[in-house]
PDB file of N, CA and C in Angstrom:
ATOM      1  N   MET A   1     107.906-115.415-183.678  1.00  0.00           N
ATOM      2  CA  MET A   1     107.383-115.094-182.384  1.00  0.00           C
ATOM      3  C   MET A   1     107.074-113.605-182.353  1.00  0.00           C
ATOM      4  N   ALA A   2     105.922-113.260-181.820  1.00  0.00           N
ATOM      5  CA  ALA A   2     105.552-111.854-181.626  1.00  0.00           C
ATOM      6  C   ALA A   2     105.871-111.464-180.186  1.00  0.00           C
ATOM      7  N   ALA A   3     106.648-110.418-180.020  1.00  0.00           N
ATOM      8  CA  ALA A   3     106.953-109.883-178.689  1.00  0.00           C
ATOM      9  C   ALA A   3     106.100-108.643-178.499  1.00  0.00           C
ATOM     10  N   HIS A   4     104.964-108.825-177.836  1.00  0.00           N
ATOM     11  CA  HIS A   4     103.969-107.762-177.678  1.00  0.00           C
ATOM     12  C   HIS A   4     104.561-106.515-177.028  1.00  0.00           C
ATOM     13  N   GLY A   5     105.463-106.681-176.121  1.00  0.00           N
ATOM     14  CA  GLY A   5     106.130-105.549-175.488  1.00  0.00           C
ATOM     15  C   GLY A   5     105.662-105.303-174.073  1.00  0.00           C
ATOM     16  N   SER A   6     106.437-104.519-173.382  1.00  0.00           N
ATOM     17  CA  SER A   6     106.147-104.201-171.984  1.00  0.00           C
ATOM     18  C   SER A   6     105.120-103.081-171.902  1.00  0.00           C
ATOM     19  N   TRP A   7     104.440-103.003-170.775  1.00  0.00           N
ATOM     20  CA  TRP A   7     103.474-101.919-170.569  1.00  0.00           C
ATOM     21  C   TRP A   7     103.732-101.197-169.253  1.00  0.00           C
ATOM     22  N   ASN A   8     104.484-101.801-168.369  1.00  0.00           N
ATOM     23  CA  ASN A   8     104.664-101.240-167.038  1.00  0.00           C
ATOM     24  C   ASN A   8     106.122-100.911-166.725  1.00  0.00           C
ATOM     25  N   ARG A   9     106.859-100.485-167.732  1.00  0.00           N
ATOM     26  CA  ARG A   9     108.275-100.157-167.541  1.00  0.00           C
ATOM     27  C   ARG A   9     108.558 -98.765-168.062  1.00  0.00           C
ATOM     28  N   SER A  10     109.492 -98.096-167.432  1.00  0.00           N
ATOM     29  CA  SER A  10     109.906 -96.770-167.906  1.00  0.00           C
ATOM     30  C   SER A  10     110.586 -96.879-169.262  1.00  0.00           C
ATOM     31  N   ASN A  11     111.506 -97.839-169.399  1.00  0.00           N
ATOM     32  CA  ASN A  11     112.170 -98.096-170.673  1.00  0.00           C
ATOM     33  C   ASN A  11     111.523 -99.317-171.311  1.00  0.00           C
ATOM     34  N   LYS A  12     110.669 -99.056-172.266  1.00  0.00           N
ATOM     35  CA  LYS A  12     109.913-100.127-172.895  1.00  0.00           C
ATOM     36  C   LYS A  12     110.823-101.034-173.725  1.00  0.00           C
ATOM     37  N   PHE A  13     110.397-102.277-173.896  1.00  0.00           N
ATOM     38  CA  PHE A  13     111.121-103.212-174.748  1.00  0.00           C
ATOM     39  C   PHE A  13     110.112-104.120-175.429  1.00  0.00           C
ATOM     40  N   GLY A  14     110.574-104.832-176.450  1.00  0.00           N
ATOM     41  CA  GLY A  14     109.691-105.719-177.199  1.00  0.00           C
ATOM     42  C   GLY A  14     109.095-104.993-178.384  1.00  0.00           C
ATOM     43  N   GLY A  15     107.901-105.405-178.760  1.00  0.00           N
ATOM     44  CA  GLY A  15     107.255-104.795-179.912  1.00  0.00           C
ATOM     45  C   GLY A  15     107.955-105.154-181.204  1.00  0.00           C
ATOM     46  N   ASP A  16     108.271-106.434-181.385  1.00  0.00           N
ATOM     47  CA  ASP A  16     108.926-106.856-182.618  1.00  0.00           C
ATOM     48  C   ASP A  16     108.577-108.304-182.926  1.00  0.00           C
ATOM     49  N   ILE A  17     109.035-108.749-184.078  1.00  0.00           N
ATOM     50  CA  ILE A  17     108.842-110.121-184.519  1.00  0.00           C
ATOM     51  C   ILE A  17     110.218-110.765-184.614  1.00  0.00           C
ATOM     52  N   ALA A  18     110.350-111.967-184.064  1.00  0.00           N
ATOM     53  CA  ALA A  18     111.636-112.656-184.081  1.00  0.00           C
ATOM     54  C   ALA A  18     111.468-114.074-184.611  1.00  0.00           C
ATOM     55  N   VAL A  19     112.543-114.600-185.160  1.00  0.00           N
ATOM     56  CA  VAL A  19     112.607-115.999-185.564  1.00  0.00           C
ATOM     57  C   VAL A  19     113.304-116.744-184.434  1.00  0.00           C
ATOM     58  N   VAL A  20     112.630-117.738-183.887  1.00  0.00           N
ATOM     59  CA  VAL A  20     113.197-118.539-182.804  1.00  0.00           C
ATOM     60  C   VAL A  20     113.523-119.914-183.362  1.00  0.00           C
ATOM     61  N   LYS A  21     114.780-120.300-183.242  1.00  0.00           N
ATOM     62  CA  LYS A  21     115.214-121.629-183.690  1.00  0.00           C
ATOM     63  C   LYS A  21     115.423-122.496-182.458  1.00  0.00           C
ATOM     64  N   LEU A  22     114.977-123.750-182.573  1.00  0.00           N
ATOM     65  CA  LEU A  22     115.038-124.661-181.436  1.00  0.00           C
ATOM     66  C   LEU A  22     116.052-125.780-181.666  1.00  0.00           C
ATOM     67  N   ASN A  23     116.583-126.281-180.564  1.00  0.00           N
ATOM     68  CA  ASN A  23     117.401-127.484-180.594  1.00  0.00           C
ATOM     69  C   ASN A  23     116.471-128.699-180.690  1.00  0.00           C
ATOM     70  N   LYS A  24     117.027-129.858-180.964  1.00  0.00           N
ATOM     71  CA  LYS A  24     116.217-131.074-181.079  1.00  0.00           C
ATOM     72  C   LYS A  24     115.445-131.385-179.808  1.00  0.00           C
ATOM     73  N   ASP A  25     115.985-130.970-178.642  1.00  0.00           N
ATOM     74  CA  ASP A  25     115.302-131.244-177.379  1.00  0.00           C
ATOM     75  C   ASP A  25     114.245-130.193-177.036  1.00  0.00           C
ATOM     76  N   GLY A  26     114.043-129.203-177.920  1.00  0.00           N
ATOM     77  CA  GLY A  26     113.024-128.176-177.705  1.00  0.00           C
ATOM     78  C   GLY A  26     113.524-126.930-177.006  1.00  0.00           C
ATOM     79  N   SER A  27     114.768-126.931-176.559  1.00  0.00           N
ATOM     80  CA  SER A  27     115.319-125.731-175.943  1.00  0.00           C
ATOM     81  C   SER A  27     115.662-124.704-177.026  1.00  0.00           C
ATOM     82  N   VAL A  28     115.752-123.453-176.636  1.00  0.00           N
ATOM     83  CA  VAL A  28     116.005-122.374-177.589  1.00  0.00           C
ATOM     84  C   VAL A  28     117.463-122.389-178.037  1.00  0.00           C
ATOM     85  N   LYS A  29     117.650-122.441-179.341  1.00  0.00           N
ATOM     86  CA  LYS A  29     118.987-122.410-179.931  1.00  0.00           C
ATOM     87  C   LYS A  29     119.402-120.973-180.218  1.00  0.00           C
ATOM     88  N   SER A  30     118.473-120.196-180.825  1.00  0.00           N
ATOM     89  CA  SER A  30     118.783-118.798-181.127  1.00  0.00           C
ATOM     90  C   SER A  30     117.493-118.004-181.320  1.00  0.00           C
ATOM     91  N   VAL A  31     117.614-116.709-181.136  1.00  0.00           N
ATOM     92  CA  VAL A  31     116.517-115.766-181.382  1.00  0.00           C
ATOM     93  C   VAL A  31     117.082-114.667-182.270  1.00  0.00           C
ATOM     94  N   GLU A  32     116.479-114.496-183.458  1.00  0.00           N
ATOM     95  CA  GLU A  32     116.976-113.517-184.426  1.00  0.00           C
ATOM     96  C   GLU A  32     115.872-112.516-184.767  1.00  0.00           C
ATOM     97  N   PRO A  33     116.182-111.208-184.780  1.00  0.00           N
ATOM     98  CA  PRO A  33     115.180-110.218-185.184  1.00  0.00           C
ATOM     99  C   PRO A  33     114.720-110.471-186.621  1.00  0.00           C
ATOM    100  N   PHE A  34     113.411-110.326-186.862  1.00  0.00           N
ATOM    101  CA  PHE A  34     112.856-110.488-188.200  1.00  0.00           C
ATOM    102  C   PHE A  34     112.201-109.183-188.662  1.00  0.00           C
ATOM    103  N   ILE A  35     111.339-108.608-187.839  1.00  0.00           N
ATOM    104  CA  ILE A  35     110.724-107.306-188.132  1.00  0.00           C
ATOM    105  C   ILE A  35     110.804-106.470-186.860  1.00  0.00           C
ATOM    106  N   THR A  36     111.409-105.306-186.970  1.00  0.00           N
ATOM    107  CA  THR A  36     111.526-104.392-185.838  1.00  0.00           C
ATOM    108  C   THR A  36     110.951-103.040-186.244  1.00  0.00           C
ATOM    109  N   GLY A  37     110.926-102.110-185.314  1.00  0.00           N
ATOM    110  CA  GLY A  37     110.478-100.762-185.640  1.00  0.00           C
ATOM    111  C   GLY A  37     109.128-100.399-185.057  1.00  0.00           C
ATOM    112  N   PHE A  38     108.532-101.280-184.260  1.00  0.00           N
ATOM    113  CA  PHE A  38     107.261-100.967-183.623  1.00  0.00           C
ATOM    114  C   PHE A  38     107.454-100.097-182.375  1.00  0.00           C
ATOM    115  N   LEU A  39     108.681 -99.919-181.942  1.00  0.00           N
ATOM    116  CA  LEU A  39     109.014 -99.111-180.769  1.00  0.00           C
ATOM    117  C   LEU A  39     109.980 -98.017-181.208  1.00  0.00           C
ATOM    118  N   VAL A  40     109.527 -96.762-181.128  1.00  0.00           N
ATOM    119  CA  VAL A  40     110.323 -95.615-181.580  1.00  0.00           C
ATOM    120  C   VAL A  40     110.347 -94.577-180.461  1.00  0.00           C
ATOM    121  N   ASP A  41     111.546 -94.171-180.062  1.00  0.00           N
ATOM    122  CA  ASP A  41     111.717 -93.164-178.996  1.00  0.00           C
ATOM    123  C   ASP A  41     110.927 -93.531-177.741  1.00  0.00           C
ATOM    124  N   ASN A  42     110.998 -94.799-177.362  1.00  0.00           N
ATOM    125  CA  ASN A  42     110.342 -95.333-176.173  1.00  0.00           C
ATOM    126  C   ASN A  42     108.812 -95.234-176.234  1.00  0.00           C
ATOM    127  N   LYS A  43     108.261 -95.168-177.458  1.00  0.00           N
ATOM    128  CA  LYS A  43     106.807 -95.145-177.653  1.00  0.00           C
ATOM    129  C   LYS A  43     106.449 -96.187-178.700  1.00  0.00           C
ATOM    130  N   TYR A  44     105.387 -96.943-178.420  1.00  0.00           N
ATOM    131  CA  TYR A  44     104.935 -97.947-179.377  1.00  0.00           C
ATOM    132  C   TYR A  44     104.161 -97.289-180.515  1.00  0.00           C
ATOM    133  N   ILE A  45     104.466 -97.708-181.726  1.00  0.00           N
ATOM    134  CA  ILE A  45     103.662 -97.315-182.885  1.00  0.00           C
ATOM    135  C   ILE A  45     102.924 -98.541-183.407  1.00  0.00           C
ATOM    136  N   GLY A  46     103.145 -99.666-182.773  1.00  0.00           N
ATOM    137  CA  GLY A  46     102.480-100.922-183.056  1.00  0.00           C
ATOM    138  C   GLY A  46     102.849-101.916-181.984  1.00  0.00           C
ATOM    139  N   ARG A  47     101.957-102.893-181.756  1.00  0.00           N
ATOM    140  CA  ARG A  47     102.235-103.933-180.766  1.00  0.00           C
ATOM    141  C   ARG A  47     101.804-105.280-181.318  1.00  0.00           C
ATOM    142  N   PRO A  48     102.735-105.991-181.948  1.00  0.00           N
ATOM    143  CA  PRO A  48     102.382-107.287-182.524  1.00  0.00           C
ATOM    144  C   PRO A  48     101.946-108.273-181.446  1.00  0.00           C
ATOM    145  N   VAL A  49     100.910-109.036-181.774  1.00  0.00           N
ATOM    146  CA  VAL A  49     100.336-109.971-180.811  1.00  0.00           C
ATOM    147  C   VAL A  49     100.605-111.424-181.187  1.00  0.00           C
ATOM    148  N   ASP A  50     100.436-111.752-182.474  1.00  0.00           N
ATOM    149  CA  ASP A  50     100.558-113.139-182.885  1.00  0.00           C
ATOM    150  C   ASP A  50     101.000-113.200-184.343  1.00  0.00           C
ATOM    151  N   VAL A  51     101.545-114.326-184.725  1.00  0.00           N
ATOM    152  CA  VAL A  51     101.930-114.573-186.119  1.00  0.00           C
ATOM    153  C   VAL A  51     101.252-115.852-186.580  1.00  0.00           C
ATOM    154  N   GLN A  52     100.906-115.898-187.857  1.00  0.00           N
ATOM    155  CA  GLN A  52     100.282-117.088-188.436  1.00  0.00           C
ATOM    156  C   GLN A  52     100.870-117.337-189.814  1.00  0.00           C
ATOM    157  N   PRO A  53     101.628-118.418-189.983  1.00  0.00           N
ATOM    158  CA  PRO A  53     102.133-118.741-191.319  1.00  0.00           C
ATOM    159  C   PRO A  53     100.986-119.226-192.197  1.00  0.00           C
ATOM    160  N   MET A  54     101.017-118.834-193.467  1.00  0.00           N
ATOM    161  CA  MET A  54      99.976-119.199-194.415  1.00  0.00           C
ATOM    162  C   MET A  54     100.504-120.245-195.404  1.00  0.00           C
ATOM    163  N   LYS A  55      99.599-120.934-196.085  1.00  0.00           N
ATOM    164  CA  LYS A  55      99.985-121.992-197.032  1.00  0.00           C
ATOM    165  C   LYS A  55     100.832-121.461-198.180  1.00  0.00           C
ATOM    166  N   ASP A  56     100.640-120.186-198.557  1.00  0.00           N
ATOM    167  CA  ASP A  56     101.395-119.614-199.678  1.00  0.00           C
ATOM    168  C   ASP A  56     102.783-119.136-199.263  1.00  0.00           C
ATOM    169  N   GLY A  57     103.159-119.340-197.996  1.00  0.00           N
ATOM    170  CA  GLY A  57     104.472-118.930-197.514  1.00  0.00           C
ATOM    171  C   GLY A  57     104.491-117.553-196.883  1.00  0.00           C
ATOM    172  N   SER A  58     103.383-116.836-196.962  1.00  0.00           N
ATOM    173  CA  SER A  58     103.330-115.517-196.335  1.00  0.00           C
ATOM    174  C   SER A  58     103.108-115.673-194.832  1.00  0.00           C
ATOM    175  N   LEU A  59     103.200-114.570-194.119  1.00  0.00           N
ATOM    176  CA  LEU A  59     103.055-114.563-192.673  1.00  0.00           C
ATOM    177  C   LEU A  59     102.089-113.450-192.299  1.00  0.00           C
ATOM    178  N   LEU A  60     101.049-113.775-191.516  1.00  0.00           N
ATOM    179  CA  LEU A  60     100.131-112.767-191.014  1.00  0.00           C
ATOM    180  C   LEU A  60     100.566-112.370-189.612  1.00  0.00           C
ATOM    181  N   ILE A  61     100.545-111.066-189.335  1.00  0.00           N
ATOM    182  CA  ILE A  61     100.922-110.534-188.031  1.00  0.00           C
ATOM    183  C   ILE A  61      99.787-109.662-187.534  1.00  0.00           C
ATOM    184  N   SER A  62      99.248-109.969-186.366  1.00  0.00           N
ATOM    185  CA  SER A  62      98.190-109.136-185.788  1.00  0.00           C
ATOM    186  C   SER A  62      98.812-108.073-184.884  1.00  0.00           C
ATOM    187  N   ASP A  63      98.207-106.888-184.908  1.00  0.00           N
ATOM    188  CA  ASP A  63      98.697-105.733-184.144  1.00  0.00           C
ATOM    189  C   ASP A  63      97.506-105.133-183.404  1.00  0.00           C
ATOM    190  N   ASP A  64      97.467-105.287-182.080  1.00  0.00           N
ATOM    191  CA  ASP A  64      96.317-104.772-181.346  1.00  0.00           C
ATOM    192  C   ASP A  64      96.430-103.290-181.002  1.00  0.00           C
ATOM    193  N   TYR A  65      97.570-102.681-181.229  1.00  0.00           N
ATOM    194  CA  TYR A  65      97.721-101.234-181.017  1.00  0.00           C
ATOM    195  C   TYR A  65      97.030-100.468-182.149  1.00  0.00           C
ATOM    196  N   ASP A  66      97.268-100.927-183.355  1.00  0.00           N
ATOM    197  CA  ASP A  66      96.737-100.248-184.543  1.00  0.00           C
ATOM    198  C   ASP A  66      95.478-100.927-185.071  1.00  0.00           C
ATOM    199  N   GLY A  67      95.081-102.055-184.467  1.00  0.00           N
ATOM    200  CA  GLY A  67      93.912-102.786-184.945  1.00  0.00           C
ATOM    201  C   GLY A  67      94.100-103.296-186.361  1.00  0.00           C
ATOM    202  N   ALA A  68      95.304-103.786-186.667  1.00  0.00           N
ATOM    203  CA  ALA A  68      95.631-104.173-188.032  1.00  0.00           C
ATOM    204  C   ALA A  68      96.132-105.610-188.083  1.00  0.00           C
ATOM    205  N   VAL A  69      96.065-106.169-189.284  1.00  0.00           N
ATOM    206  CA  VAL A  69      96.714-107.436-189.583  1.00  0.00           C
ATOM    207  C   VAL A  69      97.612-107.172-190.782  1.00  0.00           C
ATOM    208  N   TYR A  70      98.898-107.453-190.625  1.00  0.00           N
ATOM    209  CA  TYR A  70      99.866-107.248-191.696  1.00  0.00           C
ATOM    210  C   TYR A  70     100.152-108.581-192.368  1.00  0.00           C
ATOM    211  N   ARG A  71     100.359-108.547-193.663  1.00  0.00           N
ATOM    212  CA  ARG A  71     100.731-109.748-194.410  1.00  0.00           C
ATOM    213  C   ARG A  71     102.134-109.528-194.969  1.00  0.00           C
ATOM    214  N   VAL A  72     103.050-110.384-194.588  1.00  0.00           N
ATOM    215  CA  VAL A  72     104.430-110.304-195.040  1.00  0.00           C
ATOM    216  C   VAL A  72     104.634-111.385-196.090  1.00  0.00           C
ATOM    217  N   THR A  73     105.131-110.985-197.260  1.00  0.00           N
ATOM    218  CA  THR A  73     105.380-111.930-198.339  1.00  0.00           C
ATOM    219  C   THR A  73     106.832-111.828-198.765  1.00  0.00           C
ATOM    220  N   TYR A  74     107.234-112.714-199.628  1.00  0.00           N
ATOM    221  CA  TYR A  74     108.580-112.674-200.175  1.00  0.00           C
ATOM    222  C   TYR A  74     108.468-112.573-201.685  1.00  0.00           C
ATOM    223  N   GLY A  75     109.533-112.179-202.325  1.00  0.00           N
ATOM    224  CA  GLY A  75     109.519-112.033-203.782  1.00  0.00           C
ATOM    225  C   GLY A  75     109.386-110.575-204.170  1.00  0.00           C
ATOM    226  N   ASN A  76     108.640-110.298-205.228  1.00  0.00           N
ATOM    227  CA  ASN A  76     108.462-108.923-205.698  1.00  0.00           C
ATOM    228  C   ASN A  76     107.766-108.074-204.631  1.00  0.00           C
ATOM    229  N   ALA A  77     108.230-106.842-204.498  1.00  0.00           N
ATOM    230  CA  ALA A  77     107.654-105.922-203.502  1.00  0.00           C
ATOM    231  C   ALA A  77     106.217-105.586-203.879  1.00  0.00           C
ATOM    232  N   LYS A  78     105.328-105.646-202.894  1.00  0.00           N
ATOM    233  CA  LYS A  78     103.935-105.277-203.085  1.00  0.00           C
ATOM    234  C   LYS A  78     103.496-104.442-201.895  1.00  0.00           C
ATOM    235  N   THR A  79     102.656-103.467-202.145  1.00  0.00           N
ATOM    236  CA  THR A  79     102.120-102.650-201.068  1.00  0.00           C
ATOM    237  C   THR A  79     100.600-102.728-201.114  1.00  0.00           C
ATOM    238  N   ALA A  80      99.983-103.016-199.990  1.00  0.00           N
ATOM    239  CA  ALA A  80      98.532-103.134-199.939  1.00  0.00           C
ATOM    240  C   ALA A  80      97.905-101.753-199.746  1.00  0.00           C
ATOM    241  N   ASN A  81      96.731-101.573-200.277  1.00  0.00           N
ATOM    242  CA  ASN A  81      95.977-100.342-200.022  1.00  0.00           C
ATOM    243  C   ASN A  81      95.412-100.411-198.617  1.00  0.00           C
ATOM    244  N   ARG A  82      95.336 -99.284-198.004  1.00  0.00           N
ATOM    245  CA  ARG A  82      94.824 -99.250-196.640  1.00  0.00           C
ATOM    246  C   ARG A  82      93.417 -98.768-196.628  1.00  0.00           C
TER     247      ARG A  82
END
């Protein structure tokens, strides 16, 4: 889940990616942080909008603050050129 974050609060919150686990009836069982750090000193450095799982197991994350799409993979560390 992408938490885009607040825009009309003095103390901002959100701006992160979380894993939401559901019960069999569809109610929320737990919410666990997955990627954080888009909010630093009460200022956004990124605002995730949506997540899209890919067939290869990676995860795409759109960020409308930076106009970027991030690809999160597992396994050996890789860094994309910007």
